[in-house]
């Protein structure tokens, strides 16, 4: 916490620091995503390549085993 406060203070006191700032859009227009022309709010999972969908089975199965064993050991 101290480091964040000190670094923000130094950034504010140095005349022309070369640090990137986060540009936050005006919220008077309502909540919207970053680039509505390129993407919407939801990602359609069926638009992914078929190989990615099949490849997701491996980590999902490993996660299933992990949760099953954790529930069996703890319960």
N, C-alpha and C. Protein backbone atom coordinates (compact mmCIF):
# COMPACT_ATOMS: atom_id res chain seq x y z
N UNK A 1 0.82 -1.18 0.00
CA UNK A 1 0.00 0.00 0.00
C UNK A 1 0.87 1.25 0.00
N UNK A 2 1.93 1.20 0.76
CA UNK A 2 2.83 2.36 0.83
C UNK A 2 3.48 2.60 -0.53
N UNK A 3 3.90 1.52 -1.20
CA UNK A 3 4.54 1.66 -2.50
C UNK A 3 3.59 2.25 -3.54
N UNK A 4 2.33 1.85 -3.50
CA UNK A 4 1.35 2.38 -4.45
C UNK A 4 1.14 3.87 -4.22
N UNK A 5 1.01 4.27 -2.95
CA UNK A 5 0.79 5.68 -2.64
C UNK A 5 2.01 6.51 -3.02
N UNK A 6 3.21 6.00 -2.72
CA UNK A 6 4.44 6.75 -3.04
C UNK A 6 4.60 6.89 -4.55
N UNK A 7 4.39 5.82 -5.30
CA UNK A 7 4.56 5.88 -6.75
C UNK A 7 3.50 6.76 -7.42
N UNK A 8 2.27 6.72 -6.93
CA UNK A 8 1.23 7.61 -7.48
C UNK A 8 1.56 9.07 -7.17
N UNK A 9 2.10 9.32 -5.97
CA UNK A 9 2.52 10.68 -5.62
C UNK A 9 3.66 11.17 -6.49
N UNK A 10 4.65 10.29 -6.74
CA UNK A 10 5.76 10.68 -7.62
C UNK A 10 5.27 10.93 -9.03
N UNK A 11 4.32 10.13 -9.49
CA UNK A 11 3.77 10.32 -10.83
C UNK A 11 3.04 11.66 -10.94
N UNK A 12 2.38 12.06 -9.87
CA UNK A 12 1.65 13.33 -9.88
C UNK A 12 2.59 14.53 -9.76
N UNK A 13 3.74 14.37 -9.08
CA UNK A 13 4.64 15.49 -8.85
C UNK A 13 5.64 15.74 -9.98
N UNK A 14 6.01 14.68 -10.72
CA UNK A 14 6.97 14.85 -11.82
C UNK A 14 6.26 15.57 -12.96
N UNK A 15 6.89 16.61 -13.56
CA UNK A 15 6.18 17.44 -14.55
C UNK A 15 5.66 16.67 -15.76
N UNK A 16 6.49 15.85 -16.40
CA UNK A 16 6.04 15.14 -17.60
C UNK A 16 6.45 13.68 -17.51
N UNK A 17 5.80 12.91 -16.66
CA UNK A 17 6.17 11.49 -16.58
C UNK A 17 5.66 10.75 -17.81
N UNK A 18 6.41 9.78 -18.24
CA UNK A 18 6.02 9.00 -19.43
C UNK A 18 5.35 7.72 -18.97
N UNK A 19 4.19 7.85 -18.34
CA UNK A 19 3.44 6.69 -17.87
C UNK A 19 2.10 6.65 -18.58
N UNK A 20 1.66 5.45 -18.91
CA UNK A 20 0.36 5.28 -19.57
C UNK A 20 -0.75 5.38 -18.53
N UNK A 21 -1.78 6.06 -18.89
CA UNK A 21 -2.94 6.20 -18.02
C UNK A 21 -4.10 5.44 -18.64
N UNK A 22 -4.98 4.96 -17.79
CA UNK A 22 -6.17 4.27 -18.24
C UNK A 22 -7.23 5.30 -18.59
N UNK A 23 -7.64 5.30 -19.85
CA UNK A 23 -8.69 6.23 -20.29
C UNK A 23 -10.05 5.61 -20.01
N UNK A 24 -10.79 6.21 -19.11
CA UNK A 24 -12.11 5.71 -18.75
C UNK A 24 -13.14 6.52 -19.51
N UNK A 25 -14.00 5.85 -20.29
CA UNK A 25 -14.99 6.59 -21.07
C UNK A 25 -16.05 7.22 -20.17
N UNK A 26 -16.71 8.22 -20.71
CA UNK A 26 -17.78 8.89 -20.00
C UNK A 26 -18.96 7.93 -19.85
N UNK A 27 -19.50 7.83 -18.66
CA UNK A 27 -20.57 6.87 -18.42
C UNK A 27 -21.97 7.46 -18.63
N UNK A 28 -22.04 8.67 -19.14
CA UNK A 28 -23.36 9.26 -19.37
C UNK A 28 -24.10 8.55 -20.49
N UNK A 29 -23.36 7.87 -21.39
CA UNK A 29 -24.00 7.14 -22.48
C UNK A 29 -24.46 5.76 -22.04
N UNK A 30 -24.21 5.38 -20.83
CA UNK A 30 -24.59 4.07 -20.34
C UNK A 30 -23.42 3.10 -20.41
N UNK A 31 -23.65 1.91 -19.97
CA UNK A 31 -22.63 0.87 -19.94
C UNK A 31 -22.50 0.25 -21.31
N UNK A 32 -21.27 0.18 -21.83
CA UNK A 32 -21.05 -0.44 -23.14
C UNK A 32 -19.67 -1.09 -23.16
N UNK A 33 -19.49 -2.01 -24.07
CA UNK A 33 -18.19 -2.70 -24.17
C UNK A 33 -17.18 -1.82 -24.89
N UNK A 34 -15.93 -2.29 -24.96
CA UNK A 34 -14.85 -1.45 -25.46
C UNK A 34 -14.98 -1.11 -26.94
N UNK A 35 -15.39 -2.06 -27.76
CA UNK A 35 -15.52 -1.81 -29.19
C UNK A 35 -16.77 -2.53 -29.70
N UNK A 36 -17.92 -1.90 -29.63
CA UNK A 36 -19.15 -2.60 -30.01
C UNK A 36 -19.22 -2.98 -31.49
N UNK A 37 -18.39 -2.36 -32.34
CA UNK A 37 -18.41 -2.72 -33.76
C UNK A 37 -17.77 -4.08 -34.01
N UNK A 38 -16.79 -4.46 -33.18
CA UNK A 38 -16.07 -5.71 -33.39
C UNK A 38 -16.62 -6.87 -32.57
N UNK A 39 -17.14 -6.61 -31.38
CA UNK A 39 -17.60 -7.71 -30.53
C UNK A 39 -18.76 -7.25 -29.67
N UNK A 40 -19.54 -8.22 -29.26
CA UNK A 40 -20.68 -7.94 -28.40
C UNK A 40 -20.38 -8.31 -26.96
N UNK A 41 -21.43 -8.39 -26.17
CA UNK A 41 -21.25 -8.71 -24.75
C UNK A 41 -20.99 -10.19 -24.54
N UNK A 42 -21.60 -11.03 -25.34
CA UNK A 42 -21.49 -12.47 -25.15
C UNK A 42 -20.61 -13.10 -26.22
N UNK A 43 -19.87 -14.11 -25.82
CA UNK A 43 -19.06 -14.88 -26.76
C UNK A 43 -19.82 -16.16 -27.07
N UNK A 44 -20.06 -16.40 -28.33
CA UNK A 44 -20.76 -17.61 -28.72
C UNK A 44 -19.78 -18.79 -28.71
N UNK A 45 -19.97 -19.77 -27.84
CA UNK A 45 -18.99 -20.85 -27.75
C UNK A 45 -18.96 -21.73 -28.99
N UNK A 46 -20.02 -21.78 -29.74
CA UNK A 46 -20.03 -22.62 -30.94
C UNK A 46 -19.31 -21.95 -32.11
N UNK A 47 -18.92 -20.69 -31.97
CA UNK A 47 -18.14 -20.03 -33.01
C UNK A 47 -16.66 -20.39 -32.92
N UNK A 48 -16.26 -21.08 -31.85
CA UNK A 48 -14.87 -21.49 -31.70
C UNK A 48 -14.56 -22.63 -32.67
N UNK A 49 -13.29 -22.77 -33.04
CA UNK A 49 -12.93 -23.92 -33.87
C UNK A 49 -13.22 -25.23 -33.13
N UNK A 50 -13.60 -26.25 -33.88
CA UNK A 50 -13.98 -27.53 -33.29
C UNK A 50 -12.84 -28.16 -32.50
N UNK A 51 -11.61 -27.96 -32.94
CA UNK A 51 -10.46 -28.52 -32.22
C UNK A 51 -10.33 -27.92 -30.83
N UNK A 52 -10.65 -26.64 -30.66
CA UNK A 52 -10.56 -26.00 -29.34
C UNK A 52 -11.62 -26.56 -28.40
N UNK A 53 -12.80 -26.86 -28.95
CA UNK A 53 -13.87 -27.41 -28.12
C UNK A 53 -13.46 -28.80 -27.62
N UNK A 54 -12.89 -29.63 -28.49
CA UNK A 54 -12.44 -30.95 -28.07
C UNK A 54 -11.23 -30.86 -27.14
N UNK A 55 -10.36 -29.91 -27.35
CA UNK A 55 -9.18 -29.76 -26.49
C UNK A 55 -9.58 -29.31 -25.09
N UNK A 56 -10.71 -28.65 -24.93
CA UNK A 56 -11.16 -28.20 -23.61
C UNK A 56 -11.62 -29.36 -22.75
N UNK A 57 -11.84 -30.52 -23.34
CA UNK A 57 -12.28 -31.68 -22.57
C UNK A 57 -11.19 -32.13 -21.61
N UNK A 58 -9.94 -32.05 -22.00
CA UNK A 58 -8.84 -32.53 -21.16
C UNK A 58 -8.73 -31.72 -19.86
N UNK A 59 -8.60 -30.39 -19.89
CA UNK A 59 -8.54 -29.67 -18.61
C UNK A 59 -9.85 -29.76 -17.82
N UNK A 60 -10.97 -29.87 -18.51
CA UNK A 60 -12.25 -30.00 -17.79
C UNK A 60 -12.30 -31.32 -17.03
N UNK A 61 -11.81 -32.39 -17.64
CA UNK A 61 -11.79 -33.68 -16.97
C UNK A 61 -10.83 -33.67 -15.78
N UNK A 62 -9.67 -33.04 -15.94
CA UNK A 62 -8.73 -32.94 -14.83
C UNK A 62 -9.31 -32.12 -13.68
N UNK A 63 -10.01 -31.06 -14.00
CA UNK A 63 -10.66 -30.26 -12.96
C UNK A 63 -11.77 -31.04 -12.27
N UNK A 64 -12.50 -31.83 -13.03
CA UNK A 64 -13.54 -32.68 -12.45
C UNK A 64 -12.93 -33.67 -11.46
N UNK A 65 -11.81 -34.29 -11.82
CA UNK A 65 -11.15 -35.23 -10.92
C UNK A 65 -10.67 -34.51 -9.67
N UNK A 66 -10.10 -33.33 -9.82
CA UNK A 66 -9.61 -32.57 -8.68
C UNK A 66 -10.74 -32.22 -7.71
N UNK A 67 -11.86 -31.74 -8.22
CA UNK A 67 -12.99 -31.38 -7.36
C UNK A 67 -13.59 -32.61 -6.73
N UNK A 68 -13.70 -33.72 -7.48
CA UNK A 68 -14.25 -34.95 -6.93
C UNK A 68 -13.39 -35.47 -5.79
N UNK A 69 -12.06 -35.50 -5.98
CA UNK A 69 -11.17 -35.98 -4.92
C UNK A 69 -11.18 -35.05 -3.71
N UNK A 70 -11.22 -33.74 -3.95
CA UNK A 70 -11.25 -32.79 -2.83
C UNK A 70 -12.51 -32.95 -2.02
N UNK A 71 -13.63 -33.16 -2.69
CA UNK A 71 -14.90 -33.34 -1.98
C UNK A 71 -14.91 -34.68 -1.24
N UNK A 72 -14.27 -35.69 -1.80
CA UNK A 72 -14.24 -37.00 -1.16
C UNK A 72 -13.32 -37.00 0.05
N UNK A 73 -12.19 -36.32 -0.03
CA UNK A 73 -11.24 -36.28 1.07
C UNK A 73 -11.76 -35.40 2.20
N UNK A 74 -12.31 -34.23 1.84
CA UNK A 74 -12.75 -33.29 2.86
C UNK A 74 -14.09 -33.71 3.47
N UNK A 75 -14.90 -34.44 2.73
CA UNK A 75 -16.22 -34.78 3.22
C UNK A 75 -16.24 -36.03 3.94
